[in-house]
Amino acid sequence: MGGMVRVVLFPKGPRDPAATDRQITIDMVVDAGGSAIGPFPAFGRMGDFTKPEMLYPFALMGDGRIDYGAYASDGARQDKLAIRTARLAPGAEILRTAAGTTEIFLIDTVTPLAAT
């Protein structure tokens, strides 16, 4: 499965409607084995697409830091998502560290993006 994919993650645990507020969607390049490649940023968003006020775009840097942009607090600039070191497959556990707390997210889907 090499090429560009869209990865969707949810917090680990029972899925309830509030979980969509913390859904993570990332578009990134993977190798044939399903691992992220390249040091360049991947782009994503956290939140529910049906609630624009709860949608936070970000760039996932090469070192796993989540960059929410110019208006992010210094603390938010230390958030990390350990997706670059994982094999990207449904059910895989990905650690997100934010404000000194670690939380497990599960990959829900990995969908190839069509080339145009």
N, C-alpha and C. Protein backbone atom coordinates (compact mmCIF):
# COMPACT_ATOMS: atom_id res chain seq x y z
N MET A 1 0.84 -1.18 0.00
CA MET A 1 0.00 0.00 0.00
C MET A 1 0.88 1.24 0.00
N GLY A 2 1.81 1.52 -0.76
CA GLY A 2 2.58 2.75 -0.71
C GLY A 2 1.80 3.93 -1.27
N GLY A 3 2.23 5.14 -0.95
CA GLY A 3 1.60 6.34 -1.48
C GLY A 3 0.93 7.16 -0.39
N MET A 4 0.03 8.04 -0.81
CA MET A 4 -0.66 8.93 0.11
C MET A 4 -1.88 8.23 0.68
N VAL A 5 -2.05 8.32 2.00
CA VAL A 5 -3.20 7.72 2.68
C VAL A 5 -3.82 8.71 3.65
N ARG A 6 -5.05 8.46 4.00
CA ARG A 6 -5.74 9.20 5.07
C ARG A 6 -5.92 8.22 6.22
N VAL A 7 -5.41 8.61 7.40
CA VAL A 7 -5.49 7.78 8.60
C VAL A 7 -6.47 8.45 9.56
N VAL A 8 -7.43 7.68 10.07
CA VAL A 8 -8.42 8.19 11.03
C VAL A 8 -8.23 7.43 12.34
N LEU A 9 -8.09 8.20 13.44
CA LEU A 9 -7.89 7.62 14.76
C LEU A 9 -8.96 8.11 15.72
N PHE A 10 -9.30 7.27 16.71
CA PHE A 10 -10.21 7.64 17.78
C PHE A 10 -9.56 7.29 19.11
N PRO A 11 -9.94 7.98 20.18
CA PRO A 11 -9.43 7.60 21.50
C PRO A 11 -9.82 6.16 21.81
N LYS A 12 -8.91 5.42 22.46
CA LYS A 12 -9.19 4.03 22.83
C LYS A 12 -10.28 4.02 23.90
N GLY A 13 -11.18 3.07 23.79
CA GLY A 13 -12.27 2.95 24.75
C GLY A 13 -13.59 2.90 24.04
N PRO A 14 -14.67 2.86 24.81
CA PRO A 14 -16.00 2.79 24.19
C PRO A 14 -16.23 4.00 23.29
N ARG A 15 -16.77 3.76 22.13
CA ARG A 15 -17.04 4.85 21.18
C ARG A 15 -18.38 5.47 21.52
N ASP A 16 -18.35 6.73 21.85
CA ASP A 16 -19.59 7.46 22.10
C ASP A 16 -19.58 8.70 21.23
N PRO A 17 -20.70 9.41 21.13
CA PRO A 17 -20.75 10.59 20.26
C PRO A 17 -19.67 11.63 20.59
N ALA A 18 -19.27 11.73 21.84
CA ALA A 18 -18.25 12.71 22.22
C ALA A 18 -16.88 12.35 21.64
N ALA A 19 -16.67 11.06 21.29
CA ALA A 19 -15.38 10.65 20.74
C ALA A 19 -15.09 11.33 19.42
N THR A 20 -16.12 11.70 18.66
CA THR A 20 -15.88 12.36 17.38
C THR A 20 -15.27 13.75 17.57
N ASP A 21 -15.48 14.35 18.73
CA ASP A 21 -14.87 15.67 19.01
C ASP A 21 -13.35 15.56 19.11
N ARG A 22 -12.83 14.35 19.32
CA ARG A 22 -11.40 14.15 19.47
C ARG A 22 -10.83 13.24 18.39
N GLN A 23 -11.61 13.00 17.35
CA GLN A 23 -11.14 12.21 16.22
C GLN A 23 -9.95 12.91 15.57
N ILE A 24 -8.94 12.14 15.17
CA ILE A 24 -7.77 12.68 14.48
C ILE A 24 -7.76 12.11 13.07
N THR A 25 -7.61 12.99 12.08
CA THR A 25 -7.51 12.59 10.68
C THR A 25 -6.22 13.18 10.13
N ILE A 26 -5.38 12.33 9.53
CA ILE A 26 -4.08 12.78 9.01
C ILE A 26 -3.89 12.24 7.60
N ASP A 27 -3.44 13.11 6.70
CA ASP A 27 -3.05 12.69 5.35
C ASP A 27 -1.53 12.62 5.33
N MET A 28 -1.00 11.43 4.99
CA MET A 28 0.45 11.26 5.00
C MET A 28 0.90 10.25 3.96
N VAL A 29 2.20 10.23 3.70
CA VAL A 29 2.79 9.31 2.73
C VAL A 29 3.33 8.10 3.48
N VAL A 30 3.04 6.90 2.95
CA VAL A 30 3.51 5.66 3.55
C VAL A 30 4.26 4.83 2.52
N ASP A 31 5.13 3.94 3.04
CA ASP A 31 5.83 3.02 2.15
C ASP A 31 4.96 1.80 1.88
N ALA A 32 5.48 0.85 1.11
CA ALA A 32 4.70 -0.35 0.74
C ALA A 32 4.30 -1.18 1.95
N GLY A 33 5.06 -1.08 3.06
CA GLY A 33 4.74 -1.84 4.27
C GLY A 33 3.74 -1.15 5.17
N GLY A 34 3.35 0.08 4.83
CA GLY A 34 2.36 0.80 5.63
C GLY A 34 2.96 1.67 6.72
N SER A 35 4.25 2.01 6.62
CA SER A 35 4.89 2.88 7.61
C SER A 35 5.06 4.27 7.01
N ALA A 36 4.91 5.28 7.85
CA ALA A 36 5.08 6.67 7.41
C ALA A 36 6.51 6.87 6.94
N ILE A 37 6.67 7.66 5.89
CA ILE A 37 8.02 7.94 5.38
C ILE A 37 8.22 9.45 5.26
N GLY A 38 9.49 9.82 5.26
CA GLY A 38 9.86 11.21 5.04
C GLY A 38 9.84 12.06 6.29
N PRO A 39 10.74 13.04 6.33
CA PRO A 39 10.81 13.95 7.47
C PRO A 39 9.86 15.14 7.34
N PHE A 40 9.17 15.23 6.20
CA PHE A 40 8.32 16.39 5.94
C PHE A 40 7.02 16.32 6.73
N PRO A 41 6.38 17.47 6.92
CA PRO A 41 5.12 17.49 7.69
C PRO A 41 4.00 16.71 7.00
N ALA A 42 3.14 16.13 7.83
CA ALA A 42 1.89 15.55 7.38
C ALA A 42 0.80 16.48 7.89
N PHE A 43 -0.29 16.57 7.20
CA PHE A 43 -1.32 17.53 7.60
C PHE A 43 -2.56 16.82 8.08
N GLY A 44 -3.14 17.36 9.14
CA GLY A 44 -4.31 16.72 9.72
C GLY A 44 -5.21 17.70 10.42
N ARG A 45 -6.21 17.13 11.06
CA ARG A 45 -7.15 17.92 11.85
C ARG A 45 -7.69 17.05 12.97
N MET A 46 -7.99 17.70 14.07
CA MET A 46 -8.59 17.00 15.20
C MET A 46 -9.97 17.60 15.40
N GLY A 47 -10.95 16.74 15.57
CA GLY A 47 -12.30 17.22 15.83
C GLY A 47 -13.31 16.61 14.90
N ASP A 48 -14.51 17.10 15.02
CA ASP A 48 -15.67 16.61 14.29
C ASP A 48 -15.97 17.54 13.13
N PHE A 49 -15.98 17.01 11.88
CA PHE A 49 -16.24 17.84 10.71
C PHE A 49 -17.62 18.48 10.73
N THR A 50 -18.56 17.92 11.48
CA THR A 50 -19.90 18.51 11.53
C THR A 50 -19.99 19.65 12.52
N LYS A 51 -18.89 19.90 13.26
CA LYS A 51 -18.86 20.98 14.24
C LYS A 51 -17.64 21.86 13.96
N PRO A 52 -17.75 22.83 13.04
CA PRO A 52 -16.59 23.64 12.67
C PRO A 52 -15.90 24.32 13.85
N GLU A 53 -16.65 24.65 14.89
CA GLU A 53 -16.05 25.30 16.06
C GLU A 53 -15.19 24.34 16.87
N MET A 54 -15.27 23.05 16.56
CA MET A 54 -14.50 22.03 17.27
C MET A 54 -13.47 21.37 16.36
N LEU A 55 -13.06 22.03 15.29
CA LEU A 55 -12.14 21.46 14.32
C LEU A 55 -10.81 22.20 14.38
N TYR A 56 -9.72 21.49 14.68
CA TYR A 56 -8.41 22.10 14.86
C TYR A 56 -7.42 21.52 13.85
N PRO A 57 -7.04 22.30 12.82
CA PRO A 57 -6.05 21.81 11.86
C PRO A 57 -4.66 21.84 12.47
N PHE A 58 -3.78 20.96 11.97
CA PHE A 58 -2.40 20.94 12.45
C PHE A 58 -1.47 20.35 11.40
N ALA A 59 -0.18 20.59 11.60
CA ALA A 59 0.87 19.92 10.82
C ALA A 59 1.57 18.97 11.78
N LEU A 60 1.76 17.74 11.37
CA LEU A 60 2.50 16.77 12.15
C LEU A 60 3.94 16.83 11.67
N MET A 61 4.83 17.32 12.51
CA MET A 61 6.22 17.51 12.13
C MET A 61 6.95 16.17 12.08
N GLY A 62 8.15 16.18 11.51
CA GLY A 62 8.93 14.97 11.35
C GLY A 62 9.27 14.27 12.66
N ASP A 63 9.36 15.05 13.76
CA ASP A 63 9.68 14.46 15.06
C ASP A 63 8.45 14.06 15.86
N GLY A 64 7.26 14.15 15.25
CA GLY A 64 6.02 13.75 15.91
C GLY A 64 5.30 14.87 16.64
N ARG A 65 5.91 16.08 16.68
CA ARG A 65 5.22 17.20 17.33
C ARG A 65 4.02 17.63 16.50
N ILE A 66 2.96 18.00 17.20
CA ILE A 66 1.75 18.50 16.56
C ILE A 66 1.83 20.03 16.60
N ASP A 67 1.86 20.67 15.43
CA ASP A 67 1.95 22.12 15.35
C ASP A 67 0.58 22.67 14.96
N TYR A 68 -0.08 23.33 15.92
CA TYR A 68 -1.42 23.88 15.68
C TYR A 68 -1.36 25.27 15.06
N GLY A 69 -0.18 25.79 14.80
CA GLY A 69 -0.06 27.08 14.14
C GLY A 69 0.30 28.21 15.07
N ALA A 70 0.24 29.41 14.53
CA ALA A 70 0.72 30.62 15.21
C ALA A 70 -0.03 30.93 16.50
N TYR A 71 -1.26 30.50 16.62
CA TYR A 71 -2.05 30.87 17.80
C TYR A 71 -2.01 29.82 18.92
N ALA A 72 -1.22 28.78 18.74
CA ALA A 72 -1.12 27.74 19.77
C ALA A 72 -0.29 28.25 20.95
N SER A 73 -0.63 27.79 22.13
CA SER A 73 0.15 28.15 23.32
C SER A 73 1.47 27.38 23.30
N ASP A 74 2.43 27.82 24.10
CA ASP A 74 3.72 27.12 24.17
C ASP A 74 3.53 25.69 24.62
N GLY A 75 2.60 25.45 25.55
CA GLY A 75 2.33 24.09 26.02
C GLY A 75 1.81 23.20 24.91
N ALA A 76 0.91 23.73 24.08
CA ALA A 76 0.34 22.95 22.99
C ALA A 76 1.39 22.58 21.96
N ARG A 77 2.44 23.37 21.85
CA ARG A 77 3.51 23.08 20.88
C ARG A 77 4.34 21.86 21.29
N GLN A 78 4.12 21.35 22.49
CA GLN A 78 4.85 20.16 22.95
C GLN A 78 4.04 18.89 22.77
N ASP A 79 2.79 18.99 22.28
CA ASP A 79 1.98 17.81 22.03
C ASP A 79 2.67 16.94 20.98
N LYS A 80 2.58 15.61 21.15
CA LYS A 80 3.20 14.68 20.20
C LYS A 80 2.24 13.55 19.87
N LEU A 81 2.38 13.03 18.67
CA LEU A 81 1.62 11.87 18.22
C LEU A 81 2.63 10.89 17.63
N ALA A 82 2.72 9.70 18.20
CA ALA A 82 3.74 8.72 17.83
C ALA A 82 3.32 7.86 16.65
N ILE A 83 2.78 8.48 15.62
CA ILE A 83 2.29 7.73 14.47
C ILE A 83 3.39 7.45 13.45
N ARG A 84 4.44 8.24 13.46
CA ARG A 84 5.50 8.06 12.46
C ARG A 84 6.34 6.81 12.70
N THR A 85 6.26 6.23 13.87
CA THR A 85 7.05 5.03 14.16
C THR A 85 6.20 3.76 14.16
N ALA A 86 4.94 3.87 13.77
CA ALA A 86 4.02 2.73 13.81
C ALA A 86 3.73 2.21 12.40
N ARG A 87 3.40 0.95 12.33
CA ARG A 87 2.86 0.40 11.08
C ARG A 87 1.40 0.80 11.05
N LEU A 88 0.98 1.47 10.00
CA LEU A 88 -0.35 2.04 9.94
C LEU A 88 -1.37 1.00 9.45
N ALA A 89 -2.14 0.48 10.40
CA ALA A 89 -3.15 -0.52 10.10
C ALA A 89 -4.29 -0.36 11.09
N PRO A 90 -5.54 -0.65 10.68
CA PRO A 90 -6.66 -0.57 11.62
C PRO A 90 -6.39 -1.37 12.89
N GLY A 91 -6.70 -0.76 14.03
CA GLY A 91 -6.51 -1.40 15.33
C GLY A 91 -5.18 -1.09 15.98
N ALA A 92 -4.22 -0.52 15.23
CA ALA A 92 -2.92 -0.20 15.81
C ALA A 92 -3.07 0.90 16.87
N GLU A 93 -2.33 0.76 17.96
CA GLU A 93 -2.36 1.75 19.04
C GLU A 93 -1.30 2.82 18.77
N ILE A 94 -1.73 4.09 18.91
CA ILE A 94 -0.85 5.24 18.70
C ILE A 94 -0.92 6.10 19.96
N LEU A 95 0.23 6.46 20.50
CA LEU A 95 0.26 7.29 21.71
C LEU A 95 0.23 8.77 21.35
N ARG A 96 -0.62 9.51 22.05
CA ARG A 96 -0.65 10.97 21.94
C ARG A 96 -0.29 11.52 23.31
N THR A 97 0.69 12.40 23.34
CA THR A 97 1.10 13.04 24.58
C THR A 97 0.71 14.51 24.50
N ALA A 98 -0.04 14.97 25.48
CA ALA A 98 -0.48 16.36 25.52
C ALA A 98 -0.54 16.80 26.98
N ALA A 99 0.04 17.95 27.25
CA ALA A 99 0.04 18.52 28.61
C ALA A 99 0.57 17.51 29.64
N GLY A 100 1.61 16.76 29.25
CA GLY A 100 2.23 15.82 30.17
C GLY A 100 1.45 14.54 30.40
N THR A 101 0.35 14.34 29.69
CA THR A 101 -0.47 13.14 29.84
C THR A 101 -0.41 12.33 28.55
N THR A 102 -0.31 11.01 28.66
CA THR A 102 -0.29 10.15 27.49
C THR A 102 -1.63 9.43 27.38
N GLU A 103 -2.14 9.38 26.15
CA GLU A 103 -3.41 8.73 25.88
C GLU A 103 -3.25 7.84 24.65
N ILE A 104 -3.95 6.73 24.64
CA ILE A 104 -3.89 5.81 23.52
C ILE A 104 -5.04 6.10 22.54
N PHE A 105 -4.66 6.23 21.27
CA PHE A 105 -5.63 6.33 20.19
C PHE A 105 -5.51 5.06 19.36
N LEU A 106 -6.60 4.64 18.74
CA LEU A 106 -6.60 3.47 17.86
C LEU A 106 -6.85 3.92 16.43
N ILE A 107 -6.09 3.33 15.50
CA ILE A 107 -6.35 3.62 14.09
C ILE A 107 -7.66 2.93 13.72
N ASP A 108 -8.59 3.72 13.20
CA ASP A 108 -9.89 3.21 12.76
C ASP A 108 -9.81 2.77 11.30
N THR A 109 -9.30 3.66 10.45
CA THR A 109 -9.18 3.34 9.03
C THR A 109 -7.89 3.91 8.44
N VAL A 110 -7.40 3.26 7.42
CA VAL A 110 -6.29 3.75 6.59
C VAL A 110 -6.79 3.63 5.15
N THR A 111 -7.02 4.77 4.51
CA THR A 111 -7.64 4.79 3.18
C THR A 111 -6.68 5.39 2.17
N PRO A 112 -6.36 4.66 1.11
CA PRO A 112 -5.51 5.25 0.04
C PRO A 112 -6.22 6.45 -0.58
N LEU A 113 -5.46 7.49 -0.86
CA LEU A 113 -6.00 8.67 -1.54
C LEU A 113 -5.64 8.56 -3.02
N ALA A 114 -6.61 8.74 -3.87
CA ALA A 114 -6.40 8.60 -5.31
C ALA A 114 -5.51 9.72 -5.83
N ALA A 115 -4.62 9.39 -6.72
CA ALA A 115 -3.79 10.40 -7.37
C ALA A 115 -4.62 11.06 -8.47
N THR A 116 -4.39 12.35 -8.65
CA THR A 116 -5.13 13.05 -9.71
C THR A 116 -4.21 13.49 -10.81
